[in-house]
Structure formats: C-alpha cells, structure tokens
Amino acid sequence: MRRRLWVVLVTLAFVAVLVVAVFPTRTLLAQRASLNRVEEQLEVLDEQNRRLEERARRLGDDAEIERLAREEYHLIRPGEESFVVIPDPAAEPLAPPADGGGASEDHPLRQAWDWLADRF
C-alpha cells in the first residue's frame, strides 16, 4: 500500500513538472518560431512598401508619367506622328546555322547519342 502511494505521488509530481515546465516551454518555442516568421514577413512587406512609396513619388513627376505613357502605352502627344516598322513579308526569314544549331560531329554529346543510336 505504501509503495503504491509513492508511485502515485511520483507520477503526480512528474505530471506536475510536465504541466508547469515542459508544456509552457514548448509553447514558448513555438511562439518564438512564429514571431521569427512574422518578422521576416514584416521585412519583406517593408521593402515592398518602400519600393511602392518610391514609385508613387516618381509618379508625381510629369516627366515620369509621360515616359510611362510613351513606353508602356505607346501614347503620343497631339500633333506627333507614330510610326511602326513592319518587317518586309517578302524577305526570307533568318536561316538556322548550317551545322544544325552549333552541334558539331565531334561534340561529346553528339558522339554519345550516335553510339546509343547505333546500339539500339
């Protein structure tokens, strides 16, 4: 009976140590890992925010707006003429290199392929 009491007390003490020490420690470590992930996300978002603020600042300049309108939207000012250069449809397309794109007969990969092709 006395031995059983000691086993129960030791077991209860062990469970108490687990509840008091181990479980909170595990939670603390999980929270630290979560905090590190959130801090990394915050750094990425801060960098994106900085770039967007810089772009917003540049968009306040008329010259930047005109540059974007011309480059990205192909807009022109009133009175200007826009030209598009179209290739001549009668012109021959560029021919591939005579050696089949640079693969020579003495290239190691070409030799390996030829060897495999001869075997099978």
PDB file of N, CA and C in Angstrom:
ATOM      1  N   MET A   1       0.818  -1.189   0.000  1.00  0.00           N
ATOM      2  CA  MET A   1       0.000   0.000   0.000  1.00  0.00           C
ATOM      3  C   MET A   1       0.867   1.260   0.000  1.00  0.00           C
ATOM      4  N   ARG A   2       1.896   1.201   0.846  1.00  0.00           N
ATOM      5  CA  ARG A   2       2.790   2.342   0.946  1.00  0.00           C
ATOM      6  C   ARG A   2       3.543   2.551  -0.364  1.00  0.00           C
ATOM      7  N   ARG A   3       3.935   1.476  -0.993  1.00  0.00           N
ATOM      8  CA  ARG A   3       4.653   1.554  -2.265  1.00  0.00           C
ATOM      9  C   ARG A   3       3.746   2.155  -3.341  1.00  0.00           C
ATOM     10  N   ARG A   4       2.507   1.767  -3.343  1.00  0.00           N
ATOM     11  CA  ARG A   4       1.553   2.281  -4.320  1.00  0.00           C
ATOM     12  C   ARG A   4       1.359   3.787  -4.122  1.00  0.00           C
ATOM     13  N   LEU A   5       1.351   4.236  -2.898  1.00  0.00           N
ATOM     14  CA  LEU A   5       1.213   5.655  -2.603  1.00  0.00           C
ATOM     15  C   LEU A   5       2.397   6.428  -3.170  1.00  0.00           C
ATOM     16  N   TRP A   6       3.600   5.875  -3.001  1.00  0.00           N
ATOM     17  CA  TRP A   6       4.792   6.525  -3.536  1.00  0.00           C
ATOM     18  C   TRP A   6       4.742   6.582  -5.074  1.00  0.00           C
ATOM     19  N   VAL A   7       4.298   5.551  -5.712  1.00  0.00           N
ATOM     20  CA  VAL A   7       4.194   5.542  -7.181  1.00  0.00           C
ATOM     21  C   VAL A   7       3.206   6.601  -7.642  1.00  0.00           C
ATOM     22  N   VAL A   8       2.098   6.705  -6.944  1.00  0.00           N
ATOM     23  CA  VAL A   8       1.096   7.709  -7.297  1.00  0.00           C
ATOM     24  C   VAL A   8       1.656   9.108  -7.082  1.00  0.00           C
ATOM     25  N   LEU A   9       2.352   9.333  -5.970  1.00  0.00           N
ATOM     26  CA  LEU A   9       2.926  10.656  -5.696  1.00  0.00           C
ATOM     27  C   LEU A   9       4.004  11.028  -6.711  1.00  0.00           C
ATOM     28  N   VAL A  10       4.852  10.065  -7.059  1.00  0.00           N
ATOM     29  CA  VAL A  10       5.903  10.332  -8.059  1.00  0.00           C
ATOM     30  C   VAL A  10       5.263  10.623  -9.410  1.00  0.00           C
ATOM     31  N   THR A  11       4.247   9.877  -9.749  1.00  0.00           N
ATOM     32  CA  THR A  11       3.560  10.108 -11.022  1.00  0.00           C
ATOM     33  C   THR A  11       2.905  11.487 -11.044  1.00  0.00           C
ATOM     34  N   LEU A  12       2.251  11.840  -9.958  1.00  0.00           N
ATOM     35  CA  LEU A  12       1.640  13.166  -9.884  1.00  0.00           C
ATOM     36  C   LEU A  12       2.688  14.268  -9.940  1.00  0.00           C
ATOM     37  N   ALA A  13       3.813  14.054  -9.284  1.00  0.00           N
ATOM     38  CA  ALA A  13       4.892  15.040  -9.327  1.00  0.00           C
ATOM     39  C   ALA A  13       5.433  15.179 -10.757  1.00  0.00           C
ATOM     40  N   PHE A  14       5.583  14.066 -11.447  1.00  0.00           N
ATOM     41  CA  PHE A  14       6.072  14.087 -12.823  1.00  0.00           C
ATOM     42  C   PHE A  14       5.088  14.831 -13.738  1.00  0.00           C
ATOM     43  N   VAL A  15       3.831  14.564 -13.588  1.00  0.00           N
ATOM     44  CA  VAL A  15       2.806  15.244 -14.381  1.00  0.00           C
ATOM     45  C   VAL A  15       2.801  16.736 -14.062  1.00  0.00           C
ATOM     46  N   ALA A  16       2.980  17.068 -12.788  1.00  0.00           N
ATOM     47  CA  ALA A  16       3.019  18.478 -12.400  1.00  0.00           C
ATOM     48  C   ALA A  16       4.209  19.178 -13.039  1.00  0.00           C
ATOM     49  N   VAL A  17       5.368  18.506 -13.059  1.00  0.00           N
ATOM     50  CA  VAL A  17       6.550  19.091 -13.710  1.00  0.00           C
ATOM     51  C   VAL A  17       6.278  19.296 -15.190  1.00  0.00           C
ATOM     52  N   LEU A  18       5.652  18.317 -15.828  1.00  0.00           N
ATOM     53  CA  LEU A  18       5.314  18.458 -17.246  1.00  0.00           C
ATOM     54  C   LEU A  18       4.396  19.650 -17.481  1.00  0.00           C
ATOM     55  N   VAL A  19       3.376  19.752 -16.665  1.00  0.00           N
ATOM     56  CA  VAL A  19       2.402  20.826 -16.833  1.00  0.00           C
ATOM     57  C   VAL A  19       3.054  22.182 -16.580  1.00  0.00           C
ATOM     58  N   VAL A  20       3.904  22.251 -15.556  1.00  0.00           N
ATOM     59  CA  VAL A  20       4.489  23.530 -15.162  1.00  0.00           C
ATOM     60  C   VAL A  20       5.674  23.925 -16.043  1.00  0.00           C
ATOM     61  N   ALA A  21       6.483  22.975 -16.485  1.00  0.00           N
ATOM     62  CA  ALA A  21       7.729  23.315 -17.168  1.00  0.00           C
ATOM     63  C   ALA A  21       7.727  22.991 -18.663  1.00  0.00           C
ATOM     64  N   VAL A  22       7.397  21.787 -19.029  1.00  0.00           N
ATOM     65  CA  VAL A  22       7.599  21.341 -20.409  1.00  0.00           C
ATOM     66  C   VAL A  22       6.581  21.957 -21.357  1.00  0.00           C
ATOM     67  N   PHE A  23       5.314  21.893 -21.048  1.00  0.00           N
ATOM     68  CA  PHE A  23       4.295  22.394 -21.965  1.00  0.00           C
ATOM     69  C   PHE A  23       4.425  23.892 -22.216  1.00  0.00           C
ATOM     70  N   PRO A  24       4.642  24.712 -21.189  1.00  0.00           N
ATOM     71  CA  PRO A  24       4.848  26.147 -21.459  1.00  0.00           C
ATOM     72  C   PRO A  24       6.116  26.403 -22.273  1.00  0.00           C
ATOM     73  N   THR A  25       7.159  25.612 -22.038  1.00  0.00           N
ATOM     74  CA  THR A  25       8.392  25.787 -22.799  1.00  0.00           C
ATOM     75  C   THR A  25       8.150  25.482 -24.271  1.00  0.00           C
ATOM     76  N   ARG A  26       7.418  24.423 -24.532  1.00  0.00           N
ATOM     77  CA  ARG A  26       7.097  24.074 -25.912  1.00  0.00           C
ATOM     78  C   ARG A  26       6.284  25.184 -26.571  1.00  0.00           C
ATOM     79  N   THR A  27       5.330  25.730 -25.853  1.00  0.00           N
ATOM     80  CA  THR A  27       4.521  26.827 -26.372  1.00  0.00           C
ATOM     81  C   THR A  27       5.388  28.054 -26.629  1.00  0.00           C
ATOM     82  N   LEU A  28       6.299  28.337 -25.731  1.00  0.00           N
ATOM     83  CA  LEU A  28       7.193  29.475 -25.888  1.00  0.00           C
ATOM     84  C   LEU A  28       8.046  29.312 -27.138  1.00  0.00           C
ATOM     85  N   LEU A  29       8.594  28.129 -27.360  1.00  0.00           N
ATOM     86  CA  LEU A  29       9.418  27.892 -28.547  1.00  0.00           C
ATOM     87  C   LEU A  29       8.592  28.029 -29.825  1.00  0.00           C
ATOM     88  N   ALA A  30       7.375  27.543 -29.813  1.00  0.00           N
ATOM     89  CA  ALA A  30       6.503  27.675 -30.984  1.00  0.00           C
ATOM     90  C   ALA A  30       6.185  29.145 -31.249  1.00  0.00           C
ATOM     91  N   GLN A  31       5.967  29.903 -30.182  1.00  0.00           N
ATOM     92  CA  GLN A  31       5.681  31.327 -30.356  1.00  0.00           C
ATOM     93  C   GLN A  31       6.895  32.080 -30.886  1.00  0.00           C
ATOM     94  N   ARG A  32       8.081  31.711 -30.445  1.00  0.00           N
ATOM     95  CA  ARG A  32       9.302  32.345 -30.961  1.00  0.00           C
ATOM     96  C   ARG A  32       9.476  32.066 -32.446  1.00  0.00           C
ATOM     97  N   ALA A  33       9.226  30.824 -32.856  1.00  0.00           N
ATOM     98  CA  ALA A  33       9.330  30.477 -34.274  1.00  0.00           C
ATOM     99  C   ALA A  33       8.310  31.271 -35.084  1.00  0.00           C
ATOM    100  N   SER A  34       7.109  31.388 -34.552  1.00  0.00           N
ATOM    101  CA  SER A  34       6.069  32.161 -35.222  1.00  0.00           C
ATOM    102  C   SER A  34       6.464  33.635 -35.306  1.00  0.00           C
ATOM    103  N   LEU A  35       7.039  34.153 -34.240  1.00  0.00           N
ATOM    104  CA  LEU A  35       7.480  35.541 -34.217  1.00  0.00           C
ATOM    105  C   LEU A  35       8.573  35.779 -35.258  1.00  0.00           C
ATOM    106  N   ASN A  36       9.508  34.840 -35.399  1.00  0.00           N
ATOM    107  CA  ASN A  36      10.557  34.980 -36.413  1.00  0.00           C
ATOM    108  C   ASN A  36       9.972  35.010 -37.816  1.00  0.00           C
ATOM    109  N   ARG A  37       8.992  34.138 -38.080  1.00  0.00           N
ATOM    110  CA  ARG A  37       8.357  34.137 -39.406  1.00  0.00           C
ATOM    111  C   ARG A  37       7.645  35.462 -39.675  1.00  0.00           C
ATOM    112  N   VAL A  38       6.954  35.965 -38.680  1.00  0.00           N
ATOM    113  CA  VAL A  38       6.227  37.223 -38.846  1.00  0.00           C
ATOM    114  C   VAL A  38       7.202  38.382 -39.047  1.00  0.00           C
ATOM    115  N   GLU A  39       8.328  38.371 -38.354  1.00  0.00           N
ATOM    116  CA  GLU A  39       9.326  39.430 -38.530  1.00  0.00           C
ATOM    117  C   GLU A  39       9.917  39.394 -39.940  1.00  0.00           C
ATOM    118  N   GLU A  40      10.139  38.189 -40.482  1.00  0.00           N
ATOM    119  CA  GLU A  40      10.634  38.078 -41.858  1.00  0.00           C
ATOM    120  C   GLU A  40       9.602  38.618 -42.843  1.00  0.00           C
ATOM    121  N   GLN A  41       8.332  38.297 -42.614  1.00  0.00           N
ATOM    122  CA  GLN A  41       7.271  38.819 -43.476  1.00  0.00           C
ATOM    123  C   GLN A  41       7.215  40.342 -43.387  1.00  0.00           C
ATOM    124  N   LEU A  42       7.403  40.860 -42.180  1.00  0.00           N
ATOM    125  CA  LEU A  42       7.376  42.306 -41.990  1.00  0.00           C
ATOM    126  C   LEU A  42       8.511  42.968 -42.764  1.00  0.00           C
ATOM    127  N   GLU A  43       9.694  42.358 -42.766  1.00  0.00           N
ATOM    128  CA  GLU A  43      10.815  42.916 -43.521  1.00  0.00           C
ATOM    129  C   GLU A  43      10.501  42.946 -45.016  1.00  0.00           C
ATOM    130  N   VAL A  44       9.916  41.863 -45.521  1.00  0.00           N
ATOM    131  CA  VAL A  44       9.558  41.809 -46.944  1.00  0.00           C
ATOM    132  C   VAL A  44       8.519  42.878 -47.257  1.00  0.00           C
ATOM    133  N   LEU A  45       7.520  42.999 -46.413  1.00  0.00           N
ATOM    134  CA  LEU A  45       6.476  43.995 -46.644  1.00  0.00           C
ATOM    135  C   LEU A  45       7.016  45.416 -46.535  1.00  0.00           C
ATOM    136  N   ASP A  46       7.952  45.645 -45.613  1.00  0.00           N
ATOM    137  CA  ASP A  46       8.577  46.969 -45.504  1.00  0.00           C
ATOM    138  C   ASP A  46       9.331  47.315 -46.780  1.00  0.00           C
ATOM    139  N   GLU A  47      10.044  46.348 -47.340  1.00  0.00           N
ATOM    140  CA  GLU A  47      10.783  46.576 -48.587  1.00  0.00           C
ATOM    141  C   GLU A  47       9.820  46.862 -49.735  1.00  0.00           C
ATOM    142  N   GLN A  48       8.748  46.091 -49.827  1.00  0.00           N
ATOM    143  CA  GLN A  48       7.747  46.341 -50.872  1.00  0.00           C
ATOM    144  C   GLN A  48       7.107  47.715 -50.691  1.00  0.00           C
ATOM    145  N   ASN A  49       6.823  48.067 -49.460  1.00  0.00           N
ATOM    146  CA  ASN A  49       6.233  49.368 -49.161  1.00  0.00           C
ATOM    147  C   ASN A  49       7.179  50.491 -49.565  1.00  0.00           C
ATOM    148  N   ARG A  50       8.468  50.314 -49.281  1.00  0.00           N
ATOM    149  CA  ARG A  50       9.462  51.332 -49.651  1.00  0.00           C
ATOM    150  C   ARG A  50       9.498  51.519 -51.164  1.00  0.00           C
ATOM    151  N   ARG A  51       9.489  50.382 -51.920  1.00  0.00           N
ATOM    152  CA  ARG A  51       9.509  50.478 -53.384  1.00  0.00           C
ATOM    153  C   ARG A  51       8.239  51.153 -53.911  1.00  0.00           C
ATOM    154  N   LEU A  52       7.092  50.822 -53.331  1.00  0.00           N
ATOM    155  CA  LEU A  52       5.845  51.432 -53.778  1.00  0.00           C
ATOM    156  C   LEU A  52       5.805  52.927 -53.456  1.00  0.00           C
ATOM    157  N   GLU A  53       6.336  53.310 -52.304  1.00  0.00           N
ATOM    158  CA  GLU A  53       6.385  54.732 -51.966  1.00  0.00           C
ATOM    159  C   GLU A  53       7.295  55.483 -52.931  1.00  0.00           C
ATOM    160  N   GLU A  54       8.413  54.856 -53.309  1.00  0.00           N
ATOM    161  CA  GLU A  54       9.326  55.467 -54.276  1.00  0.00           C
ATOM    162  C   GLU A  54       8.639  55.614 -55.633  1.00  0.00           C
ATOM    163  N   ARG A  55       7.909  54.590 -56.037  1.00  0.00           N
ATOM    164  CA  ARG A  55       7.202  54.666 -57.321  1.00  0.00           C
ATOM    165  C   ARG A  55       6.119  55.741 -57.272  1.00  0.00           C
ATOM    166  N   ALA A  56       5.399  55.827 -56.161  1.00  0.00           N
ATOM    167  CA  ALA A  56       4.370  56.861 -56.014  1.00  0.00           C
ATOM    168  C   ALA A  56       5.000  58.249 -56.067  1.00  0.00           C
ATOM    169  N   ARG A  57       6.183  58.390 -55.465  1.00  0.00           N
ATOM    170  CA  ARG A  57       6.872  59.684 -55.509  1.00  0.00           C
ATOM    171  C   ARG A  57       7.256  60.032 -56.942  1.00  0.00           C
ATOM    172  N   ARG A  58       7.767  59.030 -57.691  1.00  0.00           N
ATOM    173  CA  ARG A  58       8.154  59.280 -59.086  1.00  0.00           C
ATOM    174  C   ARG A  58       6.941  59.610 -59.942  1.00  0.00           C
ATOM    175  N   LEU A  59       5.789  59.000 -59.640  1.00  0.00           N
ATOM    176  CA  LEU A  59       4.590  59.262 -60.435  1.00  0.00           C
ATOM    177  C   LEU A  59       4.035  60.664 -60.220  1.00  0.00           C
ATOM    178  N   GLY A  60       4.536  61.364 -59.233  1.00  0.00           N
ATOM    179  CA  GLY A  60       4.149  62.759 -59.034  1.00  0.00           C
ATOM    180  C   GLY A  60       4.832  63.682 -60.024  1.00  0.00           C
ATOM    181  N   ASP A  61       5.789  63.175 -60.782  1.00  0.00           N
ATOM    182  CA  ASP A  61       6.546  63.971 -61.745  1.00  0.00           C
ATOM    183  C   ASP A  61       5.924  63.806 -63.132  1.00  0.00           C
ATOM    184  N   ASP A  62       5.646  64.912 -63.814  1.00  0.00           N
ATOM    185  CA  ASP A  62       5.030  64.860 -65.144  1.00  0.00           C
ATOM    186  C   ASP A  62       5.912  64.143 -66.157  1.00  0.00           C
ATOM    187  N   ALA A  63       7.223  64.306 -66.051  1.00  0.00           N
ATOM    188  CA  ALA A  63       8.130  63.650 -66.998  1.00  0.00           C
ATOM    189  C   ALA A  63       8.056  62.123 -66.863  1.00  0.00           C
ATOM    190  N   GLU A  64       7.913  61.641 -65.645  1.00  0.00           N
ATOM    191  CA  GLU A  64       7.803  60.191 -65.425  1.00  0.00           C
ATOM    192  C   GLU A  64       6.487  59.657 -65.982  1.00  0.00           C
ATOM    193  N   ILE A  65       5.425  60.403 -65.800  1.00  0.00           N
ATOM    194  CA  ILE A  65       4.123  59.990 -66.342  1.00  0.00           C
ATOM    195  C   ILE A  65       4.186  59.949 -67.864  1.00  0.00           C
ATOM    196  N   GLU A  66       4.812  60.947 -68.464  1.00  0.00           N
ATOM    197  CA  GLU A  66       4.938  60.957 -69.924  1.00  0.00           C
ATOM    198  C   GLU A  66       5.791  59.786 -70.406  1.00  0.00           C
ATOM    199  N   ARG A  67       6.887  59.503 -69.701  1.00  0.00           N
ATOM    200  CA  ARG A  67       7.749  58.382 -70.081  1.00  0.00           C
ATOM    201  C   ARG A  67       6.968  57.066 -70.034  1.00  0.00           C
ATOM    202  N   LEU A  68       6.214  56.841 -68.967  1.00  0.00           N
ATOM    203  CA  LEU A  68       5.419  55.621 -68.865  1.00  0.00           C
ATOM    204  C   LEU A  68       4.351  55.550 -69.951  1.00  0.00           C
ATOM    205  N   ALA A  69       3.704  56.672 -70.233  1.00  0.00           N
ATOM    206  CA  ALA A  69       2.660  56.695 -71.259  1.00  0.00           C
ATOM    207  C   ALA A  69       3.238  56.346 -72.625  1.00  0.00           C
ATOM    208  N   ARG A  70       4.433  56.848 -72.908  1.00  0.00           N
ATOM    209  CA  ARG A  70       5.058  56.547 -74.201  1.00  0.00           C
ATOM    210  C   ARG A  70       5.572  55.114 -74.270  1.00  0.00           C
ATOM    211  N   GLU A  71       6.264  54.655 -73.230  1.00  0.00           N
ATOM    212  CA  GLU A  71       6.895  53.337 -73.272  1.00  0.00           C
ATOM    213  C   GLU A  71       5.886  52.197 -73.111  1.00  0.00           C
ATOM    214  N   GLU A  72       4.993  52.310 -72.148  1.00  0.00           N
ATOM    215  CA  GLU A  72       4.121  51.192 -71.833  1.00  0.00           C
ATOM    216  C   GLU A  72       2.800  51.220 -72.593  1.00  0.00           C
ATOM    217  N   TYR A  73       2.319  52.407 -72.924  1.00  0.00           N
ATOM    218  CA  TYR A  73       1.012  52.509 -73.560  1.00  0.00           C
ATOM    219  C   TYR A  73       1.099  53.041 -74.992  1.00  0.00           C
ATOM    220  N   HIS A  74       2.302  53.361 -75.438  1.00  0.00           N
ATOM    221  CA  HIS A  74       2.561  53.822 -76.811  1.00  0.00           C
ATOM    222  C   HIS A  74       1.697  55.038 -77.169  1.00  0.00           C
ATOM    223  N   LEU A  75       1.519  55.929 -76.211  1.00  0.00           N
ATOM    224  CA  LEU A  75       0.757  57.142 -76.447  1.00  0.00           C
ATOM    225  C   LEU A  75       1.671  58.217 -77.030  1.00  0.00           C
ATOM    226  N   ILE A  76       1.064  59.154 -77.746  1.00  0.00           N
ATOM    227  CA  ILE A  76       1.824  60.262 -78.319  1.00  0.00           C
ATOM    228  C   ILE A  76       1.122  61.566 -77.958  1.00  0.00           C
ATOM    229  N   ARG A  77       1.871  62.662 -78.099  1.00  0.00           N
ATOM    230  CA  ARG A  77       1.292  63.978 -77.841  1.00  0.00           C
ATOM    231  C   ARG A  77       0.487  64.424 -79.068  1.00  0.00           C
ATOM    232  N   PRO A  78      -0.467  65.308 -78.859  1.00  0.00           N
ATOM    233  CA  PRO A  78      -1.206  65.835 -80.016  1.00  0.00           C
ATOM    234  C   PRO A  78      -0.242  66.495 -80.998  1.00  0.00           C
ATOM    235  N   GLY A  79      -0.411  66.177 -82.267  1.00  0.00           N
ATOM    236  CA  GLY A  79       0.446  66.745 -83.298  1.00  0.00           C
ATOM    237  C   GLY A  79       1.625  65.851 -83.656  1.00  0.00           C
ATOM    238  N   GLU A  80       1.945  64.879 -82.836  1.00  0.00           N
ATOM    239  CA  GLU A  80       3.030  63.949 -83.155  1.00  0.00           C
ATOM    240  C   GLU A  80       2.487  62.820 -84.023  1.00  0.00           C
ATOM    241  N   GLU A  81       3.385  62.182 -84.750  1.00  0.00           N
ATOM    242  CA  GLU A  81       3.010  61.034 -85.561  1.00  0.00           C
ATOM    243  C   GLU A  81       3.714  59.803 -85.016  1.00  0.00           C
ATOM    244  N   SER A  82       3.001  58.695 -85.019  1.00  0.00           N
ATOM    245  CA  SER A  82       3.560  57.437 -84.533  1.00  0.00           C
ATOM    246  C   SER A  82       3.826  56.531 -85.725  1.00  0.00           C
ATOM    247  N   PHE A  83       5.001  55.912 -85.750  1.00  0.00           N
ATOM    248  CA  PHE A  83       5.370  55.004 -86.820  1.00  0.00           C
ATOM    249  C   PHE A  83       5.666  53.635 -86.238  1.00  0.00           C
ATOM    250  N   VAL A  84       5.269  52.608 -86.996  1.00  0.00           N
ATOM    251  CA  VAL A  84       5.572  51.239 -86.622  1.00  0.00           C
ATOM    252  C   VAL A  84       6.331  50.620 -87.779  1.00  0.00           C
ATOM    253  N   VAL A  85       7.487  50.066 -87.503  1.00  0.00           N
ATOM    254  CA  VAL A  85       8.293  49.438 -88.543  1.00  0.00           C
ATOM    255  C   VAL A  85       7.902  47.969 -88.615  1.00  0.00           C
ATOM    256  N   ILE A  86       7.427  47.557 -89.802  1.00  0.00           N
ATOM    257  CA  ILE A  86       6.990  46.191 -90.022  1.00  0.00           C
ATOM    258  C   ILE A  86       8.007  45.516 -90.926  1.00  0.00           C
ATOM    259  N   PRO A  87       8.426  44.288 -90.623  1.00  0.00           N
ATOM    260  CA  PRO A  87       9.388  43.622 -91.498  1.00  0.00           C
ATOM    261  C   PRO A  87       8.766  43.321 -92.862  1.00  0.00           C
ATOM    262  N   ASP A  88       9.603  43.308 -93.873  1.00  0.00           N
ATOM    263  CA  ASP A  88       9.154  43.029 -95.237  1.00  0.00           C
ATOM    264  C   ASP A  88       8.717  41.575 -95.335  1.00  0.00           C
ATOM    265  N   PRO A  89       7.449  41.313 -95.722  1.00  0.00           N
ATOM    266  CA  PRO A  89       6.993  39.927 -95.797  1.00  0.00           C
ATOM    267  C   PRO A  89       7.692  39.134 -96.887  1.00  0.00           C
ATOM    268  N   ALA A  90       8.254  39.810 -97.893  1.00  0.00           N
ATOM    269  CA  ALA A  90       8.949  39.094 -98.967  1.00  0.00           C
ATOM    270  C   ALA A  90      10.356  38.681 -98.553  1.00  0.00           C
ATOM    271  N   ALA A  91      10.866  39.282 -97.506  1.00  0.00           N
ATOM    272  CA  ALA A  91      12.228  38.956 -97.071  1.00  0.00           C
ATOM    273  C   ALA A  91      12.253  37.548 -96.487  1.00  0.00           C
ATOM    274  N   GLU A  92      13.342  36.846 -96.749  1.00  0.00           N
ATOM    275  CA  GLU A  92      13.488  35.482 -96.233  1.00  0.00           C
ATOM    276  C   GLU A  92      13.769  35.528 -94.735  1.00  0.00           C
ATOM    277  N   PRO A  93      13.177  34.600 -93.995  1.00  0.00           N
ATOM    278  CA  PRO A  93      13.497  34.551 -92.562  1.00  0.00           C
ATOM    279  C   PRO A  93      14.941  34.103 -92.372  1.00  0.00           C
ATOM    280  N   LEU A  94      15.467  34.426 -91.229  1.00  0.00           N
ATOM    281  CA  LEU A  94      16.840  34.022 -90.933  1.00  0.00           C
ATOM    282  C   LEU A  94      16.933  32.510 -90.908  1.00  0.00           C
ATOM    283  N   ALA A  95      17.904  31.987 -91.620  1.00  0.00           N
ATOM    284  CA  ALA A  95      18.096  30.538 -91.689  1.00  0.00           C
ATOM    285  C   ALA A  95      18.878  30.076 -90.470  1.00  0.00           C
ATOM    286  N   PRO A  96      18.581  28.867 -89.968  1.00  0.00           N
ATOM    287  CA  PRO A  96      19.383  28.349 -88.858  1.00  0.00           C
ATOM    288  C   PRO A  96      20.799  28.071 -89.328  1.00  0.00           C
ATOM    289  N   PRO A  97      21.756  28.013 -88.432  1.00  0.00           N
ATOM    290  CA  PRO A  97      23.144  27.739 -88.821  1.00  0.00           C
ATOM    291  C   PRO A  97      23.245  26.417 -89.580  1.00  0.00           C
ATOM    292  N   ALA A  98      24.186  26.366 -90.492  1.00  0.00           N
ATOM    293  CA  ALA A  98      24.350  25.190 -91.348  1.00  0.00           C
ATOM    294  C   ALA A  98      24.715  23.948 -90.545  1.00  0.00           C
ATOM    295  N   ASP A  99      25.345  24.107 -89.398  1.00  0.00           N
ATOM    296  CA  ASP A  99      25.764  22.933 -88.623  1.00  0.00           C
ATOM    297  C   ASP A  99      24.666  22.434 -87.690  1.00  0.00           C
ATOM    298  N   GLY A 100      23.438  22.843 -87.895  1.00  0.00           N
ATOM    299  CA  GLY A 100      22.322  22.345 -87.090  1.00  0.00           C
ATOM    300  C   GLY A 100      22.233  22.993 -85.730  1.00  0.00           C
ATOM    301  N   GLY A 101      22.578  24.253 -85.636  1.00  0.00           N
ATOM    302  CA  GLY A 101      22.451  24.959 -84.371  1.00  0.00           C
ATOM    303  C   GLY A 101      23.703  24.881 -83.522  1.00  0.00           C
ATOM    304  N   GLY A 102      24.824  24.584 -84.135  1.00  0.00           N
ATOM    305  CA  GLY A 102      26.069  24.585 -83.397  1.00  0.00           C
ATOM    306  C   GLY A 102      26.514  23.212 -82.931  1.00  0.00           C
ATOM    307  N   ALA A 103      25.762  22.163 -83.229  1.00  0.00           N
ATOM    308  CA  ALA A 103      26.154  20.815 -82.808  1.00  0.00           C
ATOM    309  C   ALA A 103      27.087  20.242 -83.859  1.00  0.00           C
ATOM    310  N   SER A 104      28.335  20.072 -83.531  1.00  0.00           N
ATOM    311  CA  SER A 104      29.295  19.525 -84.489  1.00  0.00           C
ATOM    312  C   SER A 104      29.408  18.018 -84.292  1.00  0.00           C
ATOM    313  N   GLU A 105      29.983  17.363 -85.302  1.00  0.00           N
ATOM    314  CA  GLU A 105      30.090  15.903 -85.271  1.00  0.00           C
ATOM    315  C   GLU A 105      31.018  15.418 -84.159  1.00  0.00           C
ATOM    316  N   ASP A 106      31.993  16.224 -83.749  1.00  0.00           N
ATOM    317  CA  ASP A 106      32.937  15.779 -82.726  1.00  0.00           C
ATOM    318  C   ASP A 106      32.526  16.181 -81.311  1.00  0.00           C
ATOM    319  N   HIS A 107      31.332  16.728 -81.149  1.00  0.00           N
ATOM    320  CA  HIS A 107      30.849  17.110 -79.818  1.00  0.00           C
ATOM    321  C   HIS A 107      30.587  15.837 -79.017  1.00  0.00           C
ATOM    322  N   PRO A 108      31.015  15.785 -77.739  1.00  0.00           N
ATOM    323  CA  PRO A 108      30.865  14.558 -76.938  1.00  0.00           C
ATOM    324  C   PRO A 108      29.411  14.086 -76.806  1.00  0.00           C
ATOM    325  N   LEU A 109      28.473  15.003 -76.656  1.00  0.00           N
ATOM    326  CA  LEU A 109      27.080  14.589 -76.562  1.00  0.00           C
ATOM    327  C   LEU A 109      26.586  13.998 -77.876  1.00  0.00           C
ATOM    328  N   ARG A 110      27.035  14.575 -78.977  1.00  0.00           N
ATOM    329  CA  ARG A 110      26.645  14.047 -80.280  1.00  0.00           C
ATOM    330  C   ARG A 110      27.222  12.640 -80.474  1.00  0.00           C
ATOM    331  N   GLN A 111      28.470  12.453 -80.056  1.00  0.00           N
ATOM    332  CA  GLN A 111      29.099  11.136 -80.170  1.00  0.00           C
ATOM    333  C   GLN A 111      28.372  10.111 -79.302  1.00  0.00           C
ATOM    334  N   ALA A 112      27.981  10.515 -78.089  1.00  0.00           N
ATOM    335  CA  ALA A 112      27.270   9.602 -77.195  1.00  0.00           C
ATOM    336  C   ALA A 112      25.916   9.235 -77.792  1.00  0.00           C
ATOM    337  N   TRP A 113      25.239  10.210 -78.365  1.00  0.00           N
ATOM    338  CA  TRP A 113      23.944   9.930 -78.984  1.00  0.00           C
ATOM    339  C   TRP A 113      24.093   8.981 -80.165  1.00  0.00           C
ATOM    340  N   ASP A 114      25.090   9.231 -81.009  1.00  0.00           N
ATOM    341  CA  ASP A 114      25.321   8.349 -82.152  1.00  0.00           C
ATOM    342  C   ASP A 114      25.647   6.941 -81.701  1.00  0.00           C
ATOM    343  N   TRP A 115      26.446   6.806 -80.640  1.00  0.00           N
ATOM    344  CA  TRP A 115      26.799   5.484 -80.126  1.00  0.00           C
ATOM    345  C   TRP A 115      25.550   4.759 -79.635  1.00  0.00           C
ATOM    346  N   LEU A 116      24.690   5.483 -78.870  1.00  0.00           N
ATOM    347  CA  LEU A 116      23.445   4.866 -78.370  1.00  0.00           C
ATOM    348  C   LEU A 116      22.508   4.511 -79.533  1.00  0.00           C
ATOM    349  N   ALA A 117      22.422   5.394 -80.526  1.00  0.00           N
ATOM    350  CA  ALA A 117      21.540   5.134 -81.653  1.00  0.00           C
ATOM    351  C   ALA A 117      21.997   3.909 -82.440  1.00  0.00           C
ATOM    352  N   ASP A 118      23.313   3.695 -82.551  1.00  0.00           N
ATOM    353  CA  ASP A 118      23.834   2.514 -83.261  1.00  0.00           C
ATOM    354  C   ASP A 118      23.532   1.242 -82.493  1.00  0.00           C
ATOM    355  N   ARG A 119      23.493   1.308 -81.167  1.00  0.00           N
ATOM    356  CA  ARG A 119      23.298   0.103 -80.352  1.00  0.00           C
ATOM    357  C   ARG A 119      21.840  -0.338 -80.319  1.00  0.00           C
ATOM    358  N   PHE A 120      20.927   0.607 -80.396  1.00  0.00           N
ATOM    359  CA  PHE A 120      19.515   0.276 -80.251  1.00  0.00           C
ATOM    360  C   PHE A 120      18.839   0.561 -81.534  1.00  0.00           C
TER     361      PHE A 120
END
